Amino acid sequence: MKNIFRAPVDNQHFKDTIEAGKPVNEVASFLAGEQRAKVQRIAKDDSVRYWGSVPGESNRRNLEKLTEGDELLCYRSGNYIALAKIAFTTINRDLAKYSWGETETGLTWELVYFFSDVKLFEIDAGVINKEFGYSEGQLWALGQSAMKK
């Protein structure tokens, strides 16, 4: 059984790399070998969709838990706004810097996960939280998972 992970998303980066996606050739230029081939296979309409997390012990551990076919439920402003299926993951500082820049302290969102499919929608978080037994006040972070029912 696959896992569903939840992650907070912002407005602009969500639009750039999940909603619209980036041109596959631009993204592929940051990858090599099998990863380059994978990103070209999952591209739709000449673009690829992906997200990232800043490095840290728990985020690295969570990245290691993600496997092909797992899903990422994107959360923003009290709503879930997308469900994305994981194709593969990588650690890529250069791609992250290109895609999202870096923080004031020089961190990037280099723990990158690519999606094979993205479904956009908007639903009040309370509806999903109730179904999966998530706490309303719970901090949303990659790594909180629930088995599909």
Foldseek 3Di string as FASTA:
>chain_A
DAKEAEAEDDPPLCCDAPVPADQLVVLLVQDDDPVSVLSVVLDDPRGWHKDFAWDDDVRVVLLVVDDFQHWYFYDDDQKTFKIFTFHHWDFGQVSQCVRPNADPVRIGRRGMTTGSDMDTDIDGPVVVCVVQVNDPPDDHHTPDIGDDD
